[in-house]
């Protein structure tokens, strides 16, 4: 199935493999390709990528020393 998908997307097998293994991100261009080949909107593909990126970041970023800033109206 992966071979058929990379052909339908018009990308190299290695490109699709990097996305599937999480070593490459879904770009806006790839989101358009995925949308046409598989359905869902390009925005939904990019939103899924963004959600994954945020989840990955939460696993590694330490926020213990980050404090809140109180904003006041001028």
N, C-alpha and C. Protein backbone atom coordinates (compact mmCIF):
# COMPACT_ATOMS: atom_id res chain seq x y z
N UNK A 1 0.82 -1.19 0.00
CA UNK A 1 0.00 0.00 0.00
C UNK A 1 0.87 1.26 0.00
N UNK A 2 2.00 1.23 0.72
CA UNK A 2 2.85 2.42 0.78
C UNK A 2 3.38 2.78 -0.61
N UNK A 3 3.72 1.77 -1.39
CA UNK A 3 4.23 2.03 -2.74
C UNK A 3 3.15 2.69 -3.59
N UNK A 4 1.93 2.21 -3.50
CA UNK A 4 0.83 2.81 -4.26
C UNK A 4 0.60 4.25 -3.80
N UNK A 5 0.67 4.47 -2.49
CA UNK A 5 0.43 5.81 -1.96
C UNK A 5 1.50 6.79 -2.41
N UNK A 6 2.77 6.40 -2.35
CA UNK A 6 3.80 7.35 -2.78
C UNK A 6 3.66 7.67 -4.27
N UNK A 7 3.22 6.69 -5.06
CA UNK A 7 2.98 6.95 -6.48
C UNK A 7 1.81 7.90 -6.68
N UNK A 8 0.73 7.67 -5.94
CA UNK A 8 -0.46 8.54 -6.06
C UNK A 8 -0.15 9.95 -5.59
N UNK A 9 0.70 10.07 -4.58
CA UNK A 9 1.08 11.39 -4.07
C UNK A 9 2.08 12.08 -4.98
N UNK A 10 2.77 11.31 -5.81
CA UNK A 10 3.79 11.88 -6.68
C UNK A 10 5.06 12.24 -5.93
N UNK A 11 5.40 11.44 -4.92
CA UNK A 11 6.61 11.69 -4.13
C UNK A 11 7.45 10.41 -4.09
N UNK A 12 8.72 10.58 -3.74
CA UNK A 12 9.61 9.43 -3.59
C UNK A 12 9.17 8.58 -2.40
N UNK A 13 9.43 7.30 -2.50
CA UNK A 13 9.09 6.39 -1.40
C UNK A 13 9.78 6.82 -0.11
N UNK A 14 11.01 7.32 -0.23
CA UNK A 14 11.75 7.75 0.96
C UNK A 14 11.09 8.95 1.63
N UNK A 15 10.49 9.83 0.83
CA UNK A 15 9.80 11.00 1.39
C UNK A 15 8.61 10.55 2.23
N UNK A 16 7.80 9.67 1.67
CA UNK A 16 6.64 9.18 2.41
C UNK A 16 7.08 8.40 3.64
N UNK A 17 8.11 7.60 3.52
CA UNK A 17 8.61 6.82 4.65
C UNK A 17 9.05 7.73 5.80
N UNK A 18 9.72 8.83 5.49
CA UNK A 18 10.16 9.76 6.54
C UNK A 18 8.95 10.37 7.26
N UNK A 19 7.89 10.65 6.54
CA UNK A 19 6.68 11.18 7.18
C UNK A 19 6.05 10.12 8.07
N UNK A 20 5.94 8.91 7.55
CA UNK A 20 5.31 7.83 8.31
C UNK A 20 6.09 7.43 9.55
N UNK A 21 7.40 7.60 9.52
CA UNK A 21 8.22 7.26 10.69
C UNK A 21 8.41 8.44 11.63
N UNK A 22 7.89 9.60 11.25
CA UNK A 22 7.96 10.76 12.13
C UNK A 22 9.27 11.53 12.05
N UNK A 23 10.12 11.22 11.07
CA UNK A 23 11.37 11.96 10.95
C UNK A 23 11.24 13.20 10.07
N UNK A 24 10.15 13.30 9.33
CA UNK A 24 9.84 14.51 8.55
C UNK A 24 8.43 14.95 8.87
N UNK A 25 8.20 16.24 8.73
CA UNK A 25 6.89 16.81 9.02
C UNK A 25 6.03 16.84 7.76
N UNK A 26 4.73 16.98 7.95
CA UNK A 26 3.82 17.21 6.83
C UNK A 26 3.88 18.70 6.51
N UNK A 27 4.35 19.01 5.32
CA UNK A 27 4.45 20.40 4.86
C UNK A 27 3.11 20.82 4.27
N UNK A 28 2.91 22.12 4.05
CA UNK A 28 1.68 22.55 3.37
C UNK A 28 1.51 21.88 2.01
N UNK A 29 2.61 21.72 1.27
CA UNK A 29 2.51 21.05 -0.03
C UNK A 29 2.07 19.60 0.13
N UNK A 30 2.66 18.90 1.10
CA UNK A 30 2.28 17.51 1.33
C UNK A 30 0.84 17.42 1.82
N UNK A 31 0.40 18.39 2.61
CA UNK A 31 -0.99 18.41 3.07
C UNK A 31 -1.95 18.50 1.89
N UNK A 32 -1.59 19.30 0.89
CA UNK A 32 -2.42 19.38 -0.32
C UNK A 32 -2.45 18.05 -1.06
N UNK A 33 -1.29 17.41 -1.16
CA UNK A 33 -1.22 16.11 -1.83
C UNK A 33 -2.03 15.05 -1.08
N UNK A 34 -1.87 15.00 0.24
CA UNK A 34 -2.62 14.04 1.05
C UNK A 34 -4.11 14.28 0.95
N UNK A 35 -4.50 15.54 0.94
CA UNK A 35 -5.91 15.88 0.83
C UNK A 35 -6.51 15.34 -0.46
N UNK A 36 -5.80 15.53 -1.55
CA UNK A 36 -6.31 15.06 -2.84
C UNK A 36 -6.33 13.54 -2.91
N UNK A 37 -5.29 12.89 -2.39
CA UNK A 37 -5.17 11.43 -2.50
C UNK A 37 -6.04 10.68 -1.50
N UNK A 38 -6.17 11.21 -0.29
CA UNK A 38 -6.82 10.45 0.78
C UNK A 38 -8.10 11.09 1.32
N UNK A 39 -8.33 12.35 0.96
CA UNK A 39 -9.48 13.04 1.53
C UNK A 39 -9.04 13.86 2.74
N UNK A 40 -10.01 14.37 3.46
CA UNK A 40 -9.77 15.32 4.55
C UNK A 40 -9.21 16.60 3.97
N UNK A 41 -9.40 17.67 4.66
CA UNK A 41 -8.92 18.95 4.16
C UNK A 41 -7.42 19.09 4.41
N UNK A 42 -6.74 19.93 3.61
CA UNK A 42 -5.32 20.19 3.89
C UNK A 42 -5.13 20.76 5.29
N UNK A 43 -6.09 21.58 5.72
CA UNK A 43 -6.02 22.17 7.05
C UNK A 43 -6.03 21.10 8.14
N UNK A 44 -6.81 20.03 7.93
CA UNK A 44 -6.85 18.97 8.95
C UNK A 44 -5.52 18.22 9.00
N UNK A 45 -4.88 18.01 7.85
CA UNK A 45 -3.56 17.35 7.86
C UNK A 45 -2.54 18.20 8.59
N UNK A 46 -2.58 19.52 8.35
CA UNK A 46 -1.64 20.41 9.04
C UNK A 46 -1.96 20.51 10.53
N UNK A 47 -3.24 20.47 10.88
CA UNK A 47 -3.62 20.50 12.30
C UNK A 47 -3.13 19.25 13.02
N UNK A 48 -3.25 18.10 12.36
CA UNK A 48 -2.74 16.87 12.97
C UNK A 48 -1.23 16.95 13.17
N UNK A 49 -0.52 17.52 12.19
CA UNK A 49 0.93 17.68 12.33
C UNK A 49 1.25 18.60 13.49
N UNK A 50 0.52 19.70 13.59
CA UNK A 50 0.74 20.66 14.67
C UNK A 50 0.48 20.03 16.04
N UNK A 51 -0.60 19.26 16.14
CA UNK A 51 -0.92 18.58 17.40
C UNK A 51 0.17 17.57 17.77
N UNK A 52 0.68 16.86 16.79
CA UNK A 52 1.77 15.90 17.04
C UNK A 52 3.03 16.63 17.49
N UNK A 53 3.36 17.74 16.82
CA UNK A 53 4.54 18.52 17.20
C UNK A 53 4.43 19.01 18.64
N UNK A 54 3.25 19.51 19.02
CA UNK A 54 3.04 20.00 20.38
C UNK A 54 3.17 18.86 21.38
N UNK A 55 2.59 17.71 21.08
CA UNK A 55 2.69 16.55 21.97
C UNK A 55 4.16 16.16 22.16
N UNK A 56 4.91 16.09 21.04
CA UNK A 56 6.33 15.74 21.11
C UNK A 56 7.09 16.74 21.98
N UNK A 57 6.81 18.01 21.81
CA UNK A 57 7.50 19.06 22.56
C UNK A 57 7.19 18.96 24.04
N UNK A 58 5.94 18.67 24.39
CA UNK A 58 5.56 18.55 25.79
C UNK A 58 6.32 17.43 26.49
N UNK A 59 6.77 16.43 25.74
CA UNK A 59 7.51 15.32 26.32
C UNK A 59 8.92 15.73 26.75
N UNK A 60 9.44 16.83 26.18
CA UNK A 60 10.85 17.17 26.39
C UNK A 60 11.10 18.52 27.03
N UNK A 61 10.18 19.44 26.93
CA UNK A 61 10.42 20.80 27.43
C UNK A 61 10.10 20.87 28.92
N UNK A 62 11.02 21.41 29.67
CA UNK A 62 10.83 21.61 31.12
C UNK A 62 10.37 23.04 31.34
N UNK A 63 9.22 23.20 31.95
CA UNK A 63 8.63 24.53 32.16
C UNK A 63 8.67 24.97 33.61
N UNK A 64 9.38 24.24 34.45
CA UNK A 64 9.42 24.55 35.88
C UNK A 64 9.88 25.95 36.22
N UNK A 65 10.79 26.50 35.45
CA UNK A 65 11.33 27.83 35.75
C UNK A 65 10.61 28.95 35.00
N UNK A 66 9.59 28.61 34.25
CA UNK A 66 8.84 29.62 33.51
C UNK A 66 7.73 30.15 34.40
N UNK A 67 7.68 31.47 34.56
CA UNK A 67 6.67 32.08 35.40
C UNK A 67 5.61 32.79 34.58
N UNK A 68 4.51 33.13 35.24
CA UNK A 68 3.44 33.86 34.58
C UNK A 68 3.74 35.35 34.59
N UNK A 69 3.31 36.01 33.55
CA UNK A 69 3.44 37.46 33.45
C UNK A 69 2.04 38.05 33.58
N UNK A 70 1.92 39.02 34.47
CA UNK A 70 0.62 39.69 34.61
C UNK A 70 0.62 40.91 33.72
N UNK A 71 -0.31 40.93 32.80
CA UNK A 71 -0.43 42.05 31.88
C UNK A 71 -1.48 43.01 32.42
N UNK A 72 -1.16 44.29 32.36
CA UNK A 72 -2.11 45.30 32.81
C UNK A 72 -2.42 46.23 31.65
N UNK A 73 -3.63 46.71 31.63
CA UNK A 73 -4.04 47.65 30.57
C UNK A 73 -3.38 49.00 30.82
N UNK A 74 -2.98 49.65 29.77
CA UNK A 74 -2.33 50.96 29.90
C UNK A 74 -3.35 52.07 29.93
